[in-house]
Amino acid sequence: MADKDTGGRLHRNFRPGHIVESLEIILCRPFFAIARIEQEEDFGVDFVGTLLRQSLRVMIAEQSCLIQVKISTSARFEFRGEGVNWLRKLVLPYFPLVVDRSYTRS
C-alpha cells in the first residue's frame, strides 16, 4: 500500500508479508496447481490450490482448497462477526499457513 500523497513508498510491514506469500506459493507448486488471488481482491484468501495426482503421462486435478499465508510476526487469524459468517459459508476447505522467516536474520 503506497501512501496516498507520495509515490514510490510501501509500508515496511507489508514487504515481508509479500515475500512470504511468494515463498509459500513456490513451496506449494510441486503439490498444487495455484490460482493466485490478486492483493486488491484478497479478503482472507491468498490463493486457491488444487491438489495434483500423477497418472501415466498427465497430472490429474483433484481436490481444491483455499489458502491464506501470514508471516509469523503477524500470524493472527481472527474471525468475528461477518468474518465468522464468511468462514462458515465457504465451500472449499480453508487452510491458514504461517511462515517463519527468522532463519534469514543475521
N, C-alpha and C. Protein backbone atom coordinates (compact mmCIF):
# COMPACT_ATOMS: atom_id res chain seq x y z
N MET A 1 0.83 -1.17 0.00
CA MET A 1 0.00 0.00 0.00
C MET A 1 0.88 1.24 0.00
N ALA A 2 0.84 1.98 -1.04
CA ALA A 2 1.59 3.22 -1.11
C ALA A 2 0.81 4.30 -0.36
N ASP A 3 1.55 5.28 0.17
CA ASP A 3 0.88 6.41 0.81
C ASP A 3 0.07 7.17 -0.23
N LYS A 4 -1.03 7.77 0.20
CA LYS A 4 -1.92 8.44 -0.72
C LYS A 4 -1.24 9.61 -1.43
N ASP A 5 -0.44 10.40 -0.72
CA ASP A 5 0.11 11.62 -1.29
C ASP A 5 1.51 11.48 -1.87
N THR A 6 2.15 10.35 -1.73
CA THR A 6 3.52 10.20 -2.22
C THR A 6 3.66 8.93 -3.01
N GLY A 7 4.52 8.96 -4.01
CA GLY A 7 4.78 7.76 -4.79
C GLY A 7 6.05 7.08 -4.33
N GLY A 8 6.24 5.85 -4.77
CA GLY A 8 7.48 5.14 -4.51
C GLY A 8 7.69 4.70 -3.08
N ARG A 9 6.64 4.61 -2.32
CA ARG A 9 6.80 4.16 -0.94
C ARG A 9 5.83 3.04 -0.63
N LEU A 10 6.28 2.10 0.18
CA LEU A 10 5.46 0.98 0.64
C LEU A 10 5.72 0.82 2.12
N HIS A 11 4.69 0.66 2.90
CA HIS A 11 4.87 0.49 4.34
C HIS A 11 5.79 -0.70 4.57
N ARG A 12 6.78 -0.55 5.41
CA ARG A 12 7.78 -1.61 5.57
C ARG A 12 7.21 -2.91 6.11
N ASN A 13 6.09 -2.88 6.80
CA ASN A 13 5.48 -4.11 7.31
C ASN A 13 4.86 -4.96 6.21
N PHE A 14 4.52 -4.36 5.08
CA PHE A 14 3.87 -5.12 4.01
C PHE A 14 4.87 -5.94 3.20
N ARG A 15 6.10 -5.44 3.01
CA ARG A 15 7.07 -6.13 2.17
C ARG A 15 7.38 -7.54 2.66
N PRO A 16 7.70 -7.77 3.94
CA PRO A 16 7.95 -9.16 4.38
C PRO A 16 6.77 -10.08 4.14
N GLY A 17 5.56 -9.57 4.29
CA GLY A 17 4.37 -10.37 4.03
C GLY A 17 4.26 -10.78 2.57
N HIS A 18 4.61 -9.86 1.68
CA HIS A 18 4.58 -10.17 0.25
C HIS A 18 5.62 -11.23 -0.09
N ILE A 19 6.80 -11.11 0.51
CA ILE A 19 7.87 -12.08 0.26
C ILE A 19 7.44 -13.47 0.74
N VAL A 20 6.86 -13.53 1.92
CA VAL A 20 6.42 -14.81 2.49
C VAL A 20 5.34 -15.44 1.62
N GLU A 21 4.41 -14.63 1.14
CA GLU A 21 3.34 -15.15 0.29
C GLU A 21 3.92 -15.74 -0.99
N SER A 22 4.89 -15.06 -1.58
CA SER A 22 5.53 -15.57 -2.80
C SER A 22 6.29 -16.86 -2.51
N LEU A 23 6.98 -16.91 -1.38
CA LEU A 23 7.73 -18.10 -0.99
C LEU A 23 6.79 -19.29 -0.81
N GLU A 24 5.67 -19.06 -0.16
CA GLU A 24 4.72 -20.15 0.09
C GLU A 24 4.15 -20.70 -1.21
N ILE A 25 3.91 -19.83 -2.16
CA ILE A 25 3.40 -20.29 -3.46
C ILE A 25 4.45 -21.17 -4.14
N ILE A 26 5.71 -20.77 -4.09
CA ILE A 26 6.78 -21.57 -4.69
C ILE A 26 6.87 -22.94 -4.02
N LEU A 27 6.76 -22.97 -2.70
CA LEU A 27 6.85 -24.23 -1.96
C LEU A 27 5.66 -25.15 -2.22
N CYS A 28 4.51 -24.59 -2.53
CA CYS A 28 3.30 -25.39 -2.77
C CYS A 28 3.18 -25.87 -4.21
N ARG A 29 3.91 -25.27 -5.14
CA ARG A 29 3.77 -25.62 -6.57
C ARG A 29 3.98 -27.09 -6.90
N PRO A 30 4.89 -27.82 -6.24
CA PRO A 30 5.02 -29.24 -6.59
C PRO A 30 3.77 -30.07 -6.30
N PHE A 31 2.91 -29.60 -5.42
CA PHE A 31 1.74 -30.36 -4.99
C PHE A 31 0.43 -29.81 -5.54
N PHE A 32 0.41 -28.52 -5.83
CA PHE A 32 -0.82 -27.82 -6.20
C PHE A 32 -0.70 -27.15 -7.56
N ALA A 33 -1.81 -27.07 -8.25
CA ALA A 33 -1.97 -26.07 -9.31
C ALA A 33 -2.45 -24.83 -8.54
N ILE A 34 -1.82 -23.70 -8.80
CA ILE A 34 -2.06 -22.49 -8.00
C ILE A 34 -2.85 -21.46 -8.80
N ALA A 35 -3.88 -20.93 -8.19
CA ALA A 35 -4.61 -19.78 -8.73
C ALA A 35 -4.48 -18.68 -7.70
N ARG A 36 -3.61 -17.73 -7.97
CA ARG A 36 -3.31 -16.66 -7.02
C ARG A 36 -4.43 -15.62 -7.02
N ILE A 37 -4.76 -15.12 -5.84
CA ILE A 37 -5.74 -14.05 -5.70
C ILE A 37 -4.95 -12.74 -5.63
N GLU A 38 -5.24 -11.84 -6.54
CA GLU A 38 -4.51 -10.56 -6.55
C GLU A 38 -4.75 -9.82 -5.24
N GLN A 39 -3.74 -9.08 -4.81
CA GLN A 39 -3.79 -8.44 -3.50
C GLN A 39 -5.01 -7.53 -3.32
N GLU A 40 -5.38 -6.79 -4.35
CA GLU A 40 -6.53 -5.90 -4.18
C GLU A 40 -7.84 -6.66 -4.07
N GLU A 41 -7.85 -7.94 -4.43
CA GLU A 41 -9.04 -8.79 -4.30
C GLU A 41 -8.94 -9.75 -3.12
N ASP A 42 -7.87 -9.66 -2.36
CA ASP A 42 -7.57 -10.59 -1.26
C ASP A 42 -8.35 -10.18 -0.01
N PHE A 43 -9.39 -10.92 0.29
CA PHE A 43 -10.17 -10.68 1.51
C PHE A 43 -10.09 -11.91 2.40
N GLY A 44 -8.91 -12.43 2.62
CA GLY A 44 -8.72 -13.57 3.50
C GLY A 44 -8.26 -14.83 2.81
N VAL A 45 -8.08 -14.79 1.50
CA VAL A 45 -7.57 -15.95 0.77
C VAL A 45 -6.48 -15.44 -0.17
N ASP A 46 -5.29 -16.03 -0.08
CA ASP A 46 -4.18 -15.62 -0.94
C ASP A 46 -4.12 -16.42 -2.23
N PHE A 47 -4.47 -17.70 -2.15
CA PHE A 47 -4.54 -18.49 -3.37
C PHE A 47 -5.42 -19.72 -3.20
N VAL A 48 -5.87 -20.22 -4.34
CA VAL A 48 -6.63 -21.47 -4.38
C VAL A 48 -5.66 -22.52 -4.89
N GLY A 49 -5.52 -23.59 -4.15
CA GLY A 49 -4.63 -24.68 -4.56
C GLY A 49 -5.45 -25.91 -4.91
N THR A 50 -5.12 -26.52 -6.02
CA THR A 50 -5.77 -27.77 -6.42
C THR A 50 -4.73 -28.87 -6.41
N LEU A 51 -4.95 -29.88 -5.58
CA LEU A 51 -4.01 -30.99 -5.49
C LEU A 51 -3.91 -31.71 -6.83
N LEU A 52 -2.69 -32.09 -7.18
CA LEU A 52 -2.44 -32.78 -8.44
C LEU A 52 -1.99 -34.21 -8.17
N ARG A 53 -2.51 -35.13 -8.95
CA ARG A 53 -2.11 -36.53 -8.86
C ARG A 53 -1.49 -36.93 -10.19
N GLN A 54 -0.34 -37.59 -10.08
CA GLN A 54 0.34 -38.04 -11.28
C GLN A 54 -0.29 -39.31 -11.81
N SER A 55 -0.54 -39.32 -13.09
CA SER A 55 -1.01 -40.51 -13.78
C SER A 55 -0.03 -40.71 -14.93
N LEU A 56 -0.06 -41.80 -15.57
CA LEU A 56 0.93 -42.15 -16.59
C LEU A 56 1.62 -40.95 -17.25
N ARG A 57 0.93 -40.22 -18.09
CA ARG A 57 1.56 -39.09 -18.77
C ARG A 57 0.90 -37.76 -18.48
N VAL A 58 0.01 -37.73 -17.52
CA VAL A 58 -0.71 -36.49 -17.23
C VAL A 58 -0.78 -36.25 -15.72
N MET A 59 -1.10 -35.02 -15.37
CA MET A 59 -1.39 -34.67 -13.98
C MET A 59 -2.91 -34.51 -13.90
N ILE A 60 -3.52 -35.09 -12.90
CA ILE A 60 -4.97 -35.04 -12.75
C ILE A 60 -5.31 -34.13 -11.57
N ALA A 61 -6.14 -33.13 -11.84
CA ALA A 61 -6.59 -32.22 -10.79
C ALA A 61 -7.58 -32.94 -9.89
N GLU A 62 -7.37 -32.80 -8.59
CA GLU A 62 -8.26 -33.46 -7.64
C GLU A 62 -8.93 -32.43 -6.75
N GLN A 63 -8.73 -32.47 -5.48
CA GLN A 63 -9.43 -31.58 -4.55
C GLN A 63 -8.75 -30.22 -4.47
N SER A 64 -9.56 -29.19 -4.26
CA SER A 64 -9.06 -27.82 -4.13
C SER A 64 -9.28 -27.31 -2.72
N CYS A 65 -8.50 -26.29 -2.35
CA CYS A 65 -8.65 -25.66 -1.05
C CYS A 65 -8.26 -24.19 -1.15
N LEU A 66 -8.65 -23.42 -0.15
CA LEU A 66 -8.31 -22.00 -0.05
C LEU A 66 -7.18 -21.86 0.95
N ILE A 67 -6.19 -21.04 0.63
CA ILE A 67 -5.02 -20.90 1.50
C ILE A 67 -4.75 -19.43 1.77
N GLN A 68 -4.55 -19.12 3.04
CA GLN A 68 -4.13 -17.78 3.45
C GLN A 68 -2.78 -17.90 4.13
N VAL A 69 -1.85 -17.04 3.73
CA VAL A 69 -0.48 -17.10 4.22
C VAL A 69 -0.20 -15.85 5.05
N LYS A 70 0.44 -16.03 6.20
CA LYS A 70 0.88 -14.90 7.02
C LYS A 70 2.30 -15.14 7.49
N ILE A 71 2.99 -14.05 7.71
CA ILE A 71 4.34 -14.12 8.28
C ILE A 71 4.18 -14.32 9.79
N SER A 72 5.12 -15.03 10.40
CA SER A 72 4.98 -15.40 11.81
C SER A 72 4.87 -14.19 12.74
N THR A 73 5.44 -13.05 12.36
CA THR A 73 5.37 -11.87 13.22
C THR A 73 3.98 -11.24 13.26
N SER A 74 3.11 -11.59 12.33
CA SER A 74 1.74 -11.07 12.34
C SER A 74 0.74 -12.19 12.06
N ALA A 75 0.99 -13.35 12.63
CA ALA A 75 0.16 -14.53 12.35
C ALA A 75 -1.05 -14.57 13.28
N ARG A 76 -2.00 -13.71 13.00
CA ARG A 76 -3.25 -13.72 13.76
C ARG A 76 -4.38 -13.97 12.78
N PHE A 77 -5.05 -15.06 12.96
CA PHE A 77 -6.19 -15.42 12.13
C PHE A 77 -7.43 -15.30 13.00
N GLU A 78 -8.00 -14.11 13.04
CA GLU A 78 -9.18 -13.87 13.88
C GLU A 78 -10.41 -13.73 13.01
N PHE A 79 -11.48 -14.33 13.46
CA PHE A 79 -12.75 -14.24 12.74
C PHE A 79 -13.82 -13.83 13.73
N ARG A 80 -14.44 -12.68 13.46
CA ARG A 80 -15.53 -12.18 14.29
C ARG A 80 -16.63 -11.65 13.39
N GLY A 81 -17.83 -11.62 13.89
CA GLY A 81 -18.94 -11.02 13.17
C GLY A 81 -19.10 -11.58 11.77
N GLU A 82 -19.02 -10.69 10.76
CA GLU A 82 -19.18 -11.10 9.37
C GLU A 82 -18.09 -12.08 8.94
N GLY A 83 -16.91 -12.00 9.56
CA GLY A 83 -15.82 -12.94 9.24
C GLY A 83 -16.19 -14.37 9.57
N VAL A 84 -16.91 -14.57 10.67
CA VAL A 84 -17.35 -15.92 11.05
C VAL A 84 -18.38 -16.42 10.04
N ASN A 85 -19.29 -15.55 9.63
CA ASN A 85 -20.28 -15.93 8.62
C ASN A 85 -19.60 -16.31 7.32
N TRP A 86 -18.60 -15.52 6.90
CA TRP A 86 -17.83 -15.80 5.69
C TRP A 86 -17.19 -17.19 5.77
N LEU A 87 -16.54 -17.47 6.90
CA LEU A 87 -15.86 -18.75 7.08
C LEU A 87 -16.84 -19.91 7.03
N ARG A 88 -17.99 -19.77 7.64
CA ARG A 88 -18.99 -20.84 7.66
C ARG A 88 -19.56 -21.13 6.28
N LYS A 89 -19.62 -20.12 5.43
CA LYS A 89 -20.22 -20.27 4.10
C LYS A 89 -19.25 -20.79 3.05
N LEU A 90 -17.97 -20.90 3.39
CA LEU A 90 -17.01 -21.38 2.40
C LEU A 90 -17.35 -22.80 1.98
N VAL A 91 -17.19 -23.07 0.70
CA VAL A 91 -17.44 -24.41 0.18
C VAL A 91 -16.16 -25.22 0.20
N LEU A 92 -15.05 -24.60 -0.18
CA LEU A 92 -13.75 -25.28 -0.18
C LEU A 92 -13.12 -25.20 1.21
N PRO A 93 -12.31 -26.20 1.59
CA PRO A 93 -11.60 -26.14 2.87
C PRO A 93 -10.66 -24.94 2.89
N TYR A 94 -10.50 -24.34 4.07
CA TYR A 94 -9.67 -23.16 4.28
C TYR A 94 -8.47 -23.55 5.15
N PHE A 95 -7.26 -23.23 4.70
CA PHE A 95 -6.06 -23.54 5.46
C PHE A 95 -5.24 -22.28 5.69
N PRO A 96 -5.09 -21.86 6.95
CA PRO A 96 -4.18 -20.75 7.24
C PRO A 96 -2.76 -21.31 7.40
N LEU A 97 -1.80 -20.68 6.74
CA LEU A 97 -0.40 -21.10 6.83
C LEU A 97 0.43 -19.97 7.41
N VAL A 98 1.39 -20.34 8.26
CA VAL A 98 2.29 -19.36 8.86
C VAL A 98 3.71 -19.70 8.44
N VAL A 99 4.44 -18.68 7.99
CA VAL A 99 5.83 -18.86 7.57
C VAL A 99 6.72 -18.06 8.51
N ASP A 100 7.75 -18.70 9.04
CA ASP A 100 8.71 -18.05 9.93
C ASP A 100 9.98 -17.76 9.15
N ARG A 101 10.26 -16.49 8.93
CA ARG A 101 11.47 -16.09 8.18
C ARG A 101 12.63 -15.79 9.12
N SER A 102 12.56 -16.13 10.39
CA SER A 102 13.61 -15.75 11.35
C SER A 102 14.97 -16.34 11.00
N TYR A 103 15.01 -17.42 10.23
CA TYR A 103 16.29 -18.01 9.85
C TYR A 103 17.09 -17.09 8.94
N THR A 104 16.47 -16.09 8.31
CA THR A 104 17.17 -15.20 7.40
C THR A 104 17.81 -14.02 8.10
N ARG A 105 17.51 -13.82 9.34
CA ARG A 105 18.08 -12.68 10.09
C ARG A 105 19.49 -13.02 10.52
N SER A 106 20.33 -11.98 10.56
CA SER A 106 21.73 -12.21 11.00
C SER A 106 21.94 -11.80 12.43
